C-alpha atoms as a PDB file:
ATOM      1  CA  UNK A   1      81.327  94.370  81.956  1.00  0.00           C
ATOM      2  CA  UNK A   2      79.588  95.122  85.585  1.00  0.00           C
ATOM      3  CA  UNK A   3      81.765  96.807  88.110  1.00  0.00           C
ATOM      4  CA  UNK A   4      81.521  94.252  90.404  1.00  0.00           C
ATOM      5  CA  UNK A   5      82.887  91.437  88.114  1.00  0.00           C
ATOM      6  CA  UNK A   6      85.668  93.539  87.132  1.00  0.00           C
ATOM      7  CA  UNK A   7      86.992  94.206  90.798  1.00  0.00           C
ATOM      8  CA  UNK A   8      86.953  90.911  91.469  1.00  0.00           C
ATOM      9  CA  UNK A   9      88.989  90.000  88.068  1.00  0.00           C
ATOM     10  CA  UNK A  10      91.423  92.928  89.572  1.00  0.00           C
ATOM     11  CA  UNK A  11      92.189  90.562  92.649  1.00  0.00           C
ATOM     12  CA  UNK A  12      92.278  87.947  90.811  1.00  0.00           C
ATOM     13  CA  UNK A  13      94.823  89.238  88.834  1.00  0.00           C
ATOM     14  CA  UNK A  14      96.974  90.770  91.239  1.00  0.00           C
ATOM     15  CA  UNK A  15      97.154  87.501  92.852  1.00  0.00           C
ATOM     16  CA  UNK A  16      98.007  86.534  96.657  1.00  0.00           C
ATOM     17  CA  UNK A  17     101.527  88.291  96.426  1.00  0.00           C
ATOM     18  CA  UNK A  18     103.598  90.558  94.727  1.00  0.00           C
ATOM     19  CA  UNK A  19     106.981  92.807  94.740  1.00  0.00           C
ATOM     20  CA  UNK A  20     105.210  96.424  94.028  1.00  0.00           C
ATOM     21  CA  UNK A  21     106.624 100.014  93.915  1.00  0.00           C
ATOM     22  CA  UNK A  22     105.095 101.811  96.846  1.00  0.00           C
ATOM     23  CA  UNK A  23     105.136 105.697  96.325  1.00  0.00           C
ATOM     24  CA  UNK A  24     104.483 107.687  99.399  1.00  0.00           C
ATOM     25  CA  UNK A  25     104.688 111.749 100.079  1.00  0.00           C
ATOM     26  CA  UNK A  26     104.724 114.531 102.613  1.00  0.00           C
ATOM     27  CA  UNK A  27     105.285 118.004 101.936  1.00  0.00           C
ATOM     28  CA  UNK A  28     105.302 117.765  98.260  1.00  0.00           C
ATOM     29  CA  UNK A  29     108.183 115.336  98.622  1.00  0.00           C
ATOM     30  CA  UNK A  30     107.466 111.852  96.569  1.00  0.00           C
ATOM     31  CA  UNK A  31     109.661 108.565  97.317  1.00  0.00           C
ATOM     32  CA  UNK A  32     109.064 105.491  95.889  1.00  0.00           C
ATOM     33  CA  UNK A  33     110.481 101.764  96.843  1.00  0.00           C
ATOM     34  CA  UNK A  34     110.234  98.498  96.128  1.00  0.00           C
ATOM     35  CA  UNK A  35     107.608  96.346  98.659  1.00  0.00           C
ATOM     36  CA  UNK A  36     106.777  92.605  98.930  1.00  0.00           C
ATOM     37  CA  UNK A  37     102.627  92.990  99.363  1.00  0.00           C
ATOM     38  CA  UNK A  38     100.676  89.861 100.256  1.00  0.00           C
ATOM     39  CA  UNK A  39      97.012  89.991  99.363  1.00  0.00           C
ATOM     40  CA  UNK A  40      94.312  88.075 101.971  1.00  0.00           C
ATOM     41  CA  UNK A  41      90.728  88.382 101.488  1.00  0.00           C
ATOM     42  CA  UNK A  42      91.169  91.349  99.289  1.00  0.00           C
ATOM     43  CA  UNK A  43      93.175  93.479 101.507  1.00  0.00           C
ATOM     44  CA  UNK A  44      96.610  94.327 100.638  1.00  0.00           C
ATOM     45  CA  UNK A  45      99.167  94.163 103.073  1.00  0.00           C
ATOM     46  CA  UNK A  46     102.779  95.469 103.623  1.00  0.00           C
ATOM     47  CA  UNK A  47     104.911  95.832 106.930  1.00  0.00           C
ATOM     48  CA  UNK A  48     107.752  98.184 107.526  1.00  0.00           C
ATOM     49  CA  UNK A  49     109.825  99.799 110.324  1.00  0.00           C
ATOM     50  CA  UNK A  50     108.688 102.739 112.338  1.00  0.00           C
ATOM     51  CA  UNK A  51     112.050 104.361 112.060  1.00  0.00           C
ATOM     52  CA  UNK A  52     111.947 104.465 108.404  1.00  0.00           C
ATOM     53  CA  UNK A  53     111.454 107.703 106.357  1.00  0.00           C
ATOM     54  CA  UNK A  54     107.974 105.929 104.293  1.00  0.00           C
ATOM     55  CA  UNK A  55     106.633 105.459 107.828  1.00  0.00           C
ATOM     56  CA  UNK A  56     106.766 109.450 108.511  1.00  0.00           C
ATOM     57  CA  UNK A  57     104.942 109.888 105.165  1.00  0.00           C
ATOM     58  CA  UNK A  58     102.282 107.437 105.698  1.00  0.00           C
ATOM     59  CA  UNK A  59     101.594 108.994 108.916  1.00  0.00           C
ATOM     60  CA  UNK A  60     101.539 112.396 107.504  1.00  0.00           C
ATOM     61  CA  UNK A  61      99.553 111.561 104.307  1.00  0.00           C
ATOM     62  CA  UNK A  62      97.931 108.238 104.104  1.00  0.00           C
ATOM     63  CA  UNK A  63      97.528 108.229 100.451  1.00  0.00           C
ATOM     64  CA  UNK A  64      99.440 106.007  98.422  1.00  0.00           C
ATOM     65  CA  UNK A  65     100.207 104.363  94.922  1.00  0.00           C
ATOM     66  CA  UNK A  66     101.148 100.989  94.120  1.00  0.00           C
ATOM     67  CA  UNK A  67     102.872  99.731  90.795  1.00  0.00           C
ATOM     68  CA  UNK A  68     103.762  96.822  89.348  1.00  0.00           C
ATOM     69  CA  UNK A  69     103.656  95.636  85.630  1.00  0.00           C
ATOM     70  CA  UNK A  70     100.550  97.291  84.200  1.00  0.00           C
ATOM     71  CA  UNK A  71      98.628  98.009  87.051  1.00  0.00           C
ATOM     72  CA  UNK A  72      98.754 101.245  88.903  1.00  0.00           C
ATOM     73  CA  UNK A  73      96.819 101.652  92.146  1.00  0.00           C
ATOM     74  CA  UNK A  74      96.211 104.451  94.170  1.00  0.00           C
ATOM     75  CA  UNK A  75      94.502 103.958  97.594  1.00  0.00           C
ATOM     76  CA  UNK A  76      94.451 104.821 101.336  1.00  0.00           C
ATOM     77  CA  UNK A  77      96.833 103.649 104.064  1.00  0.00           C
ATOM     78  CA  UNK A  78      95.986 102.644 107.595  1.00  0.00           C
ATOM     79  CA  UNK A  79      98.622 101.267 110.282  1.00  0.00           C
ATOM     80  CA  UNK A  80      96.701  98.168 111.759  1.00  0.00           C
ATOM     81  CA  UNK A  81      99.240  97.657 114.530  1.00  0.00           C
ATOM     82  CA  UNK A  82     102.416  94.790 115.033  1.00  0.00           C
ATOM     83  CA  UNK A  83     102.793  91.862 111.872  1.00  0.00           C
ATOM     84  CA  UNK A  84     102.711  89.143 114.728  1.00  0.00           C
ATOM     85  CA  UNK A  85      99.332  90.511 115.855  1.00  0.00           C
ATOM     86  CA  UNK A  86      97.492  89.189 112.471  1.00  0.00           C
ATOM     87  CA  UNK A  87      97.935  85.874 111.870  1.00  0.00           C
ATOM     88  CA  UNK A  88      96.381  85.686 108.480  1.00  0.00           C
ATOM     89  CA  UNK A  89      98.924  88.308 107.139  1.00  0.00           C
ATOM     90  CA  UNK A  90     101.707  86.515 109.020  1.00  0.00           C
ATOM     91  CA  UNK A  91     100.839  83.152 107.314  1.00  0.00           C
ATOM     92  CA  UNK A  92     100.857  84.769 103.690  1.00  0.00           C
ATOM     93  CA  UNK A  93     104.109  86.630 104.185  1.00  0.00           C
ATOM     94  CA  UNK A  94     105.528  83.600 105.902  1.00  0.00           C
ATOM     95  CA  UNK A  95     104.640  81.556 102.484  1.00  0.00           C
ATOM     96  CA  UNK A  96     105.465  84.210  99.828  1.00  0.00           C
ATOM     97  CA  UNK A  97     108.452  85.992 101.541  1.00  0.00           C
ATOM     98  CA  UNK A  98     110.192  83.693 103.725  1.00  0.00           C
ATOM     99  CA  UNK A  99     113.300  85.215 104.329  1.00  0.00           C
ATOM    100  CA  UNK A 100     111.694  88.607 105.158  1.00  0.00           C
ATOM    101  CA  UNK A 101     109.360  87.053 107.628  1.00  0.00           C
ATOM    102  CA  UNK A 102     112.210  85.439 109.550  1.00  0.00           C
ATOM    103  CA  UNK A 103     114.276  88.812 109.289  1.00  0.00           C
ATOM    104  CA  UNK A 104     111.957  91.217 110.115  1.00  0.00           C
ATOM    105  CA  UNK A 105     108.265  90.566 111.090  1.00  0.00           C
ATOM    106  CA  UNK A 106     108.899  89.960 114.802  1.00  0.00           C
ATOM    107  CA  UNK A 107     111.141  93.161 115.035  1.00  0.00           C
ATOM    108  CA  UNK A 108     109.805  95.623 117.617  1.00  0.00           C
ATOM    109  CA  UNK A 109     109.632  98.211 115.064  1.00  0.00           C
ATOM    110  CA  UNK A 110     107.863  96.450 112.716  1.00  0.00           C
ATOM    111  CA  UNK A 111     104.312  97.505 111.941  1.00  0.00           C
ATOM    112  CA  UNK A 112     101.670  96.361 109.392  1.00  0.00           C
ATOM    113  CA  UNK A 113      99.333  98.454 106.958  1.00  0.00           C
ATOM    114  CA  UNK A 114      96.836  97.925 104.549  1.00  0.00           C
ATOM    115  CA  UNK A 115      95.911  99.478 101.497  1.00  0.00           C
ATOM    116  CA  UNK A 116      92.369 100.411 100.526  1.00  0.00           C
ATOM    117  CA  UNK A 117      92.508 100.537  96.494  1.00  0.00           C
ATOM    118  CA  UNK A 118      90.209 103.894  95.403  1.00  0.00           C
ATOM    119  CA  UNK A 119      91.683 103.859  91.615  1.00  0.00           C
ATOM    120  CA  UNK A 120      93.179 101.381  89.799  1.00  0.00           C
ATOM    121  CA  UNK A 121      94.501 101.858  85.966  1.00  0.00           C
ATOM    122  CA  UNK A 122      95.575  98.845  83.827  1.00  0.00           C
ATOM    123  CA  UNK A 123      97.095  98.825  80.442  1.00  0.00           C
ATOM    124  CA  UNK A 124      96.026  95.900  77.916  1.00  0.00           C
ATOM    125  CA  UNK A 125      96.395  95.208  74.258  1.00  0.00           C
ATOM    126  CA  UNK A 126      93.655  93.600  72.471  1.00  0.00           C
ATOM    127  CA  UNK A 127      94.810  92.718  68.957  1.00  0.00           C
ATOM    128  CA  UNK A 128      97.843  94.556  69.139  1.00  0.00           C
ATOM    129  CA  UNK A 129      95.265  97.776  70.120  1.00  0.00           C
ATOM    130  CA  UNK A 130      96.370  99.504  73.281  1.00  0.00           C
ATOM    131  CA  UNK A 131      93.204  99.985  75.966  1.00  0.00           C
ATOM    132  CA  UNK A 132      93.290 101.595  79.779  1.00  0.00           C
ATOM    133  CA  UNK A 133      91.237  99.850  81.870  1.00  0.00           C
ATOM    134  CA  UNK A 134      89.920 102.046  84.884  1.00  0.00           C
ATOM    135  CA  UNK A 135      88.573 100.751  87.812  1.00  0.00           C
ATOM    136  CA  UNK A 136      87.107 103.785  90.148  1.00  0.00           C
ATOM    137  CA  UNK A 137      86.577 101.852  93.243  1.00  0.00           C
ATOM    138  CA  UNK A 138      85.311 104.788  95.127  1.00  0.00           C
ATOM    139  CA  UNK A 139      82.406 105.613  92.789  1.00  0.00           C
ATOM    140  CA  UNK A 140      82.376 101.676  91.816  1.00  0.00           C
ATOM    141  CA  UNK A 141      82.804 102.937  88.253  1.00  0.00           C
ATOM    142  CA  UNK A 142      84.459 100.581  85.316  1.00  0.00           C
ATOM    143  CA  UNK A 143      85.538 101.831  82.125  1.00  0.00           C
ATOM    144  CA  UNK A 144      87.595 100.410  79.061  1.00  0.00           C
ATOM    145  CA  UNK A 145      88.824 102.894  76.397  1.00  0.00           C
ATOM    146  CA  UNK A 146      91.113 102.803  73.617  1.00  0.00           C
ATOM    147  CA  UNK A 147      94.074 104.932  73.575  1.00  0.00           C
ATOM    148  CA  UNK A 148      94.142 107.080  70.644  1.00  0.00           C
ATOM    149  CA  UNK A 149      97.650 109.413  70.759  1.00  0.00           C
ATOM    150  CA  UNK A 150      97.760 112.435  68.962  1.00  0.00           C
END
């Protein structure tokens, strides 16, 4: 299949919301935590507090990974302001994570990030046979290869 078709399929499978593990690192220290993410127009969003350790790590190193189920995403994170300043995000977050929206989105220290995927790897099974699907988004390449353990 062509890269563009698989790229579209990836976002369809990811869906409009998900709880994902976000991994960040700074100075060779890696941390991970569950995050509530929403996807609007192929943009992945999450919010966090400026006083949290992950915020410090993101400011020092914008490279992140997200993981849920059989999907692994490596990408680049960018702070884009306060959640209240981004209506598309707010509408989606309120719809899918209403208690988090009510509790956190309007807090003064809350900030909004986007994640631009650069590399996606997904495991799948076809007739019981394991395959890895790889989307090298930075280079616009798609590959599906059978996993053969030795």
